[in-house]
N, C-alpha and C. Protein backbone atom coordinates (compact mmCIF):
# COMPACT_ATOMS: atom_id res chain seq x y z
N MET A 1 -12.80 -25.15 -44.25
CA MET A 1 -13.03 -23.72 -44.35
C MET A 1 -11.94 -22.99 -43.58
N ARG A 2 -11.47 -21.91 -44.17
CA ARG A 2 -10.42 -21.12 -43.53
C ARG A 2 -10.92 -19.70 -43.32
N ILE A 3 -10.62 -19.14 -42.16
CA ILE A 3 -10.99 -17.77 -41.83
C ILE A 3 -9.74 -16.90 -41.91
N LEU A 4 -9.87 -15.77 -42.60
CA LEU A 4 -8.76 -14.83 -42.75
C LEU A 4 -8.87 -13.69 -41.74
N SER A 5 -7.74 -13.28 -41.21
CA SER A 5 -7.71 -12.14 -40.29
C SER A 5 -7.81 -10.84 -41.08
N LYS A 6 -8.00 -9.76 -40.37
CA LYS A 6 -8.06 -8.44 -41.02
C LYS A 6 -6.75 -8.17 -41.77
N ARG A 7 -5.62 -8.51 -41.18
CA ARG A 7 -4.33 -8.30 -41.82
C ARG A 7 -4.20 -9.15 -43.09
N GLN A 8 -4.63 -10.40 -43.03
CA GLN A 8 -4.54 -11.27 -44.20
C GLN A 8 -5.42 -10.75 -45.34
N VAL A 9 -6.62 -10.28 -45.01
CA VAL A 9 -7.51 -9.73 -46.04
C VAL A 9 -6.88 -8.48 -46.65
N LYS A 10 -6.35 -7.62 -45.80
CA LYS A 10 -5.69 -6.40 -46.29
C LYS A 10 -4.55 -6.74 -47.23
N ASP A 11 -3.74 -7.71 -46.87
CA ASP A 11 -2.61 -8.11 -47.72
C ASP A 11 -3.08 -8.77 -49.03
N LEU A 12 -4.20 -9.47 -48.97
CA LEU A 12 -4.71 -10.17 -50.14
C LEU A 12 -5.35 -9.24 -51.16
N VAL A 13 -6.15 -8.30 -50.69
CA VAL A 13 -6.88 -7.44 -51.63
C VAL A 13 -6.20 -6.08 -51.85
N LEU A 14 -5.19 -5.78 -51.06
CA LEU A 14 -4.41 -4.55 -51.20
C LEU A 14 -5.22 -3.28 -50.99
N TYR A 15 -6.23 -3.35 -50.14
CA TYR A 15 -7.02 -2.19 -49.74
C TYR A 15 -6.78 -1.93 -48.26
N SER A 16 -6.94 -0.68 -47.85
CA SER A 16 -6.82 -0.34 -46.44
C SER A 16 -8.01 -0.92 -45.68
N PRO A 17 -7.85 -1.14 -44.38
CA PRO A 17 -8.99 -1.63 -43.59
C PRO A 17 -10.20 -0.70 -43.67
N GLN A 18 -9.96 0.61 -43.76
CA GLN A 18 -11.07 1.56 -43.87
C GLN A 18 -11.83 1.38 -45.18
N HIS A 19 -11.10 1.16 -46.27
CA HIS A 19 -11.76 0.97 -47.56
C HIS A 19 -12.51 -0.35 -47.60
N ILE A 20 -11.94 -1.38 -47.02
CA ILE A 20 -12.63 -2.67 -46.93
C ILE A 20 -13.93 -2.50 -46.16
N ALA A 21 -13.90 -1.76 -45.06
CA ALA A 21 -15.10 -1.52 -44.26
C ALA A 21 -16.15 -0.76 -45.06
N ARG A 22 -15.72 0.22 -45.86
CA ARG A 22 -16.67 0.98 -46.69
C ARG A 22 -17.32 0.08 -47.73
N LEU A 23 -16.51 -0.75 -48.40
CA LEU A 23 -17.06 -1.67 -49.39
C LEU A 23 -18.03 -2.65 -48.74
N GLU A 24 -17.66 -3.14 -47.59
CA GLU A 24 -18.51 -4.08 -46.87
C GLU A 24 -19.85 -3.43 -46.49
N ALA A 25 -19.80 -2.20 -46.00
CA ALA A 25 -21.02 -1.48 -45.62
C ALA A 25 -21.91 -1.23 -46.83
N ALA A 26 -21.31 -1.07 -48.00
CA ALA A 26 -22.07 -0.83 -49.23
C ALA A 26 -22.54 -2.13 -49.88
N GLY A 27 -22.21 -3.27 -49.27
CA GLY A 27 -22.62 -4.56 -49.83
C GLY A 27 -21.77 -4.98 -51.01
N GLN A 28 -20.56 -4.44 -51.13
CA GLN A 28 -19.70 -4.73 -52.27
C GLN A 28 -18.48 -5.56 -51.89
N PHE A 29 -18.48 -6.13 -50.70
CA PHE A 29 -17.39 -6.96 -50.22
C PHE A 29 -17.99 -7.99 -49.27
N PRO A 30 -17.39 -9.18 -49.21
CA PRO A 30 -17.94 -10.20 -48.30
C PRO A 30 -18.04 -9.70 -46.86
N LYS A 31 -19.08 -10.15 -46.18
CA LYS A 31 -19.29 -9.72 -44.79
C LYS A 31 -18.36 -10.45 -43.85
N ARG A 32 -17.95 -9.74 -42.84
CA ARG A 32 -17.08 -10.32 -41.81
C ARG A 32 -17.87 -11.27 -40.91
N VAL A 33 -17.14 -12.14 -40.24
CA VAL A 33 -17.71 -13.08 -39.28
C VAL A 33 -17.19 -12.67 -37.91
N LYS A 34 -18.08 -12.45 -36.98
CA LYS A 34 -17.65 -12.10 -35.62
C LYS A 34 -17.22 -13.38 -34.92
N LEU A 35 -15.95 -13.44 -34.54
CA LEU A 35 -15.38 -14.64 -33.92
C LEU A 35 -15.35 -14.54 -32.41
N GLY A 36 -15.34 -13.35 -31.91
CA GLY A 36 -15.31 -13.11 -30.47
C GLY A 36 -15.63 -11.67 -30.20
N GLN A 37 -15.49 -11.26 -28.96
CA GLN A 37 -15.85 -9.90 -28.59
C GLN A 37 -15.02 -8.86 -29.35
N CYS A 38 -13.76 -9.15 -29.57
CA CYS A 38 -12.87 -8.19 -30.25
C CYS A 38 -12.16 -8.80 -31.45
N ARG A 39 -12.77 -9.80 -32.06
CA ARG A 39 -12.10 -10.49 -33.17
C ARG A 39 -13.08 -10.76 -34.29
N VAL A 40 -12.67 -10.40 -35.52
CA VAL A 40 -13.48 -10.70 -36.71
C VAL A 40 -12.59 -11.39 -37.74
N GLY A 41 -13.23 -12.01 -38.71
CA GLY A 41 -12.51 -12.65 -39.79
C GLY A 41 -13.41 -12.72 -41.01
N TRP A 42 -12.85 -13.15 -42.12
CA TRP A 42 -13.59 -13.31 -43.37
C TRP A 42 -13.37 -14.72 -43.88
N VAL A 43 -14.40 -15.30 -44.48
CA VAL A 43 -14.28 -16.63 -45.06
C VAL A 43 -13.39 -16.50 -46.29
N GLU A 44 -12.30 -17.26 -46.31
CA GLU A 44 -11.31 -17.14 -47.38
C GLU A 44 -11.94 -17.33 -48.76
N GLN A 45 -12.78 -18.33 -48.93
CA GLN A 45 -13.36 -18.61 -50.25
C GLN A 45 -14.22 -17.45 -50.73
N GLU A 46 -14.93 -16.79 -49.83
CA GLU A 46 -15.75 -15.64 -50.23
C GLU A 46 -14.87 -14.49 -50.73
N VAL A 47 -13.75 -14.27 -50.07
CA VAL A 47 -12.83 -13.21 -50.50
C VAL A 47 -12.19 -13.59 -51.84
N LEU A 48 -11.79 -14.85 -51.99
CA LEU A 48 -11.21 -15.29 -53.26
C LEU A 48 -12.23 -15.21 -54.40
N ASP A 49 -13.49 -15.54 -54.11
CA ASP A 49 -14.54 -15.40 -55.13
C ASP A 49 -14.72 -13.94 -55.53
N TRP A 50 -14.66 -13.03 -54.55
CA TRP A 50 -14.77 -11.60 -54.81
C TRP A 50 -13.64 -11.15 -55.73
N LEU A 51 -12.42 -11.61 -55.45
CA LEU A 51 -11.28 -11.28 -56.30
C LEU A 51 -11.44 -11.87 -57.70
N GLN A 52 -11.92 -13.10 -57.78
CA GLN A 52 -12.11 -13.74 -59.09
C GLN A 52 -13.13 -12.97 -59.91
N ASP A 53 -14.16 -12.47 -59.27
CA ASP A 53 -15.16 -11.66 -59.96
C ASP A 53 -14.52 -10.42 -60.58
N ARG A 54 -13.61 -9.78 -59.84
CA ARG A 54 -12.90 -8.62 -60.38
C ARG A 54 -12.08 -9.01 -61.61
N LEU A 55 -11.40 -10.15 -61.54
CA LEU A 55 -10.60 -10.62 -62.67
C LEU A 55 -11.47 -10.95 -63.87
N ASP A 56 -12.61 -11.60 -63.60
CA ASP A 56 -13.52 -11.95 -64.70
C ASP A 56 -14.03 -10.70 -65.40
N ARG A 57 -14.38 -9.66 -64.62
CA ARG A 57 -14.86 -8.43 -65.22
C ARG A 57 -13.76 -7.73 -66.01
N ARG A 58 -12.53 -7.81 -65.52
CA ARG A 58 -11.41 -7.22 -66.24
C ARG A 58 -11.20 -7.93 -67.57
N ASP A 59 -11.24 -9.26 -67.52
CA ASP A 59 -10.98 -10.06 -68.72
C ASP A 59 -12.10 -9.96 -69.75
N SER A 60 -13.31 -9.66 -69.31
CA SER A 60 -14.42 -9.56 -70.26
C SER A 60 -14.64 -8.14 -70.73
N SER A 61 -13.82 -7.21 -70.26
CA SER A 61 -13.95 -5.82 -70.65
C SER A 61 -13.66 -5.67 -72.14
N THR A 62 -14.44 -4.84 -72.78
CA THR A 62 -14.25 -4.60 -74.23
C THR A 62 -13.34 -3.40 -74.47
N ASP A 63 -12.93 -2.74 -73.39
CA ASP A 63 -12.05 -1.58 -73.55
C ASP A 63 -10.66 -2.06 -73.97
N THR A 64 -10.12 -1.37 -74.93
CA THR A 64 -8.76 -1.67 -75.37
C THR A 64 -7.93 -0.40 -75.25
N PRO A 65 -6.72 -0.51 -74.77
CA PRO A 65 -5.87 0.69 -74.65
C PRO A 65 -5.52 1.23 -76.03
N GLU A 66 -5.46 2.54 -76.13
CA GLU A 66 -5.13 3.16 -77.42
C GLU A 66 -3.70 3.61 -77.43
């Protein structure tokens, strides 16, 4: 298991830390893991699964550009 830092998650999903926090609070992003008093991280596989879900929804979309 690999834990991603806030910077790694930001670079991976291309969202600002504030937007990631909003998604997380709304239950729409994997929850962070508290690693220490001032350190958090995210389980890499959970973030990758979240990204894969976005890709799957994009690929199954019936919308076609006109």
